[in-house]
Amino acid sequence: MKYPRVGDLVARGAPGGPRENNACIGAKSHILNTQRISLFEESLRCHPCTAEWLHELGHFEKNSNELVFEAASIYEIKRLPRTSPLPPEQNPNLKLARAILETVPSTAEGRERLLREMRKREETVKLARLRGLR
């Protein structure tokens, strides 16, 4: 499967699978976090590229009333991975850096003034809580 889509079933190392080699951002392997959903299902996620898979571990056989665990590892694609970093306008790290630069003054006097204002606001909030206004 050359171009996998959401909902497709893929093998562990196949293109679009969770252990695909050099598939994540920057041609790295996926960094997976596994979360057990139920007895037979687990969710795998890669936070750098936001990919997500659902792994069905087995099923309950109705005829024999037995738990049957699958030997093959088949994953359903829930969210496709991003293959490149976010553009600068969507990157949260750059947004945070810009917000800090715009908010925090560059001079020592400006930073001291900002700290005094923040302390004053905290004191007024504490006083309002003590009085029962907030």
Protein backbone atom coordinates (compact mmCIF):
# COMPACT_ATOMS: atom_id res chain seq x y z
CA MET A 1 0.00 0.00 0.00
CA LYS A 2 1.86 3.03 -1.28
CA TYR A 3 -0.46 5.78 -0.06
CA PRO A 4 -2.31 4.62 3.07
CA ARG A 5 -5.45 6.42 4.21
CA VAL A 6 -7.33 6.72 7.47
CA GLY A 7 -9.24 3.50 8.14
CA ASP A 8 -6.82 1.28 6.21
CA LEU A 9 -5.39 -1.83 7.86
CA VAL A 10 -1.59 -2.00 7.79
CA ALA A 11 1.09 -4.33 9.09
CA ARG A 12 3.55 -3.28 11.77
CA GLY A 13 6.46 -2.26 9.51
CA ALA A 14 4.49 -1.53 6.33
CA PRO A 15 4.17 2.00 4.94
CA GLY A 16 1.75 3.82 7.20
CA GLY A 17 2.29 1.32 10.03
CA PRO A 18 3.46 2.26 13.51
CA ARG A 19 6.95 0.74 13.25
CA GLU A 20 7.62 2.03 9.75
CA ASN A 21 11.32 2.82 9.47
CA ASN A 22 12.20 6.52 9.01
CA ALA A 23 8.55 7.52 8.75
CA CYS A 24 8.32 10.27 11.34
CA ILE A 25 9.31 13.91 11.04
CA GLY A 26 12.96 14.31 10.16
CA ALA A 27 13.18 10.70 8.88
CA LYS A 28 13.19 9.27 12.41
CA SER A 29 11.31 6.28 13.75
CA HIS A 30 7.98 6.93 15.44
CA ILE A 31 8.04 7.58 19.19
CA LEU A 32 5.08 5.57 20.33
CA ASN A 33 2.90 5.87 23.40
CA THR A 34 0.65 2.88 23.94
CA GLN A 35 -2.65 3.08 25.79
CA ARG A 36 -4.84 0.06 26.50
CA ILE A 37 -8.45 0.80 25.51
CA SER A 38 -10.05 -2.54 26.31
CA LEU A 39 -9.07 -6.17 26.74
CA PHE A 40 -8.62 -6.55 22.98
CA GLU A 41 -7.65 -3.06 21.81
CA GLU A 42 -4.79 -0.67 22.31
CA SER A 43 -4.12 2.75 20.88
CA LEU A 44 -0.65 3.71 19.63
CA ARG A 45 0.30 7.36 19.17
CA CYS A 46 3.33 9.25 17.96
CA HIS A 47 3.35 12.74 19.41
CA PRO A 48 5.93 14.40 17.13
CA CYS A 49 3.98 13.61 13.94
CA THR A 50 0.48 13.15 15.50
CA ALA A 51 -0.01 9.71 13.90
CA GLU A 52 -2.40 7.29 15.60
CA TRP A 53 -3.17 3.58 15.16
CA LEU A 54 -5.60 1.13 16.73
CA HIS A 55 -4.29 -2.38 17.37
CA GLU A 56 -6.79 -5.19 17.81
CA LEU A 57 -5.16 -7.83 19.98
CA GLY A 58 -7.88 -10.45 19.70
CA HIS A 59 -11.59 -11.20 19.90
CA PHE A 60 -14.21 -13.16 21.82
CA GLU A 61 -15.30 -16.23 19.87
CA LYS A 62 -19.06 -16.68 20.13
CA ASN A 63 -19.23 -20.41 19.33
CA SER A 64 -16.74 -21.65 21.93
CA ASN A 65 -16.98 -18.70 24.38
CA GLU A 66 -13.18 -18.39 24.40
CA LEU A 67 -10.82 -15.44 24.27
CA VAL A 68 -8.78 -15.66 21.07
CA PHE A 69 -5.68 -13.49 20.73
CA GLU A 70 -4.37 -12.70 17.26
CA ALA A 71 -0.87 -13.77 16.25
CA ALA A 72 -0.57 -11.25 13.38
CA SER A 73 -0.20 -7.59 14.24
CA ILE A 74 -2.67 -5.63 12.10
CA TYR A 75 -3.13 -1.93 12.85
CA GLU A 76 -5.94 0.34 11.72
CA ILE A 77 -4.82 3.86 10.83
CA LYS A 78 -6.75 6.42 12.87
CA ARG A 79 -4.68 9.48 11.99
CA LEU A 80 -1.99 9.77 9.30
CA PRO A 81 1.45 11.02 10.31
CA ARG A 82 2.78 14.41 9.30
CA THR A 83 5.94 13.94 7.28
CA SER A 84 7.31 17.42 7.85
CA PRO A 85 7.39 19.89 10.71
CA LEU A 86 4.55 22.34 11.10
CA PRO A 87 4.78 25.56 9.11
CA PRO A 88 6.11 28.47 11.18
CA GLU A 89 2.67 30.09 11.58
CA GLN A 90 1.29 26.86 13.17
CA ASN A 91 4.32 25.89 15.25
CA PRO A 92 3.36 26.30 18.94
CA ASN A 93 6.99 26.71 20.03
CA LEU A 94 7.51 29.68 17.73
CA LYS A 95 4.16 31.18 18.79
CA LEU A 96 5.19 30.91 22.44
CA ALA A 97 8.59 32.48 21.75
CA ARG A 98 6.97 35.39 19.90
CA ALA A 99 4.42 35.90 22.69
CA ILE A 100 7.21 35.97 25.28
CA LEU A 101 9.18 38.48 23.22
CA GLU A 102 6.12 40.71 22.86
CA THR A 103 5.13 40.47 26.54
CA VAL A 104 8.38 40.46 28.49
CA PRO A 105 10.31 43.73 28.41
CA SER A 106 13.91 43.61 27.20
CA THR A 107 15.33 45.91 29.89
CA ALA A 108 15.93 45.07 33.55
CA GLU A 109 13.81 48.02 34.74
CA GLY A 110 10.92 46.92 32.54
CA ARG A 111 11.10 43.35 33.90
CA GLU A 112 11.15 44.65 37.48
CA ARG A 113 8.12 46.83 36.78
CA LEU A 114 6.31 43.83 35.24
CA LEU A 115 7.12 41.70 38.32
CA ARG A 116 5.78 44.43 40.64
CA GLU A 117 2.56 44.63 38.63
CA MET A 118 2.15 40.85 38.71
CA ARG A 119 2.68 40.74 42.49
CA LYS A 120 0.19 43.55 42.95
CA ARG A 121 -2.42 41.68 40.85
CA GLU A 122 -1.82 38.48 42.85
CA GLU A 123 -2.32 40.37 46.12
CA THR A 124 -5.60 41.90 44.93
CA VAL A 125 -6.85 38.46 43.86
CA LYS A 126 -5.91 37.00 47.26
CA LEU A 127 -7.68 39.83 49.06
CA ALA A 128 -10.78 39.37 46.89
CA ARG A 129 -10.82 35.64 47.70
CA LEU A 130 -10.49 36.32 51.40
CA ARG A 131 -13.37 38.77 51.24
CA GLY A 132 -15.43 36.22 49.31
CA LEU A 133 -15.81 38.32 46.19
CA ARG A 134 -14.35 35.71 43.80
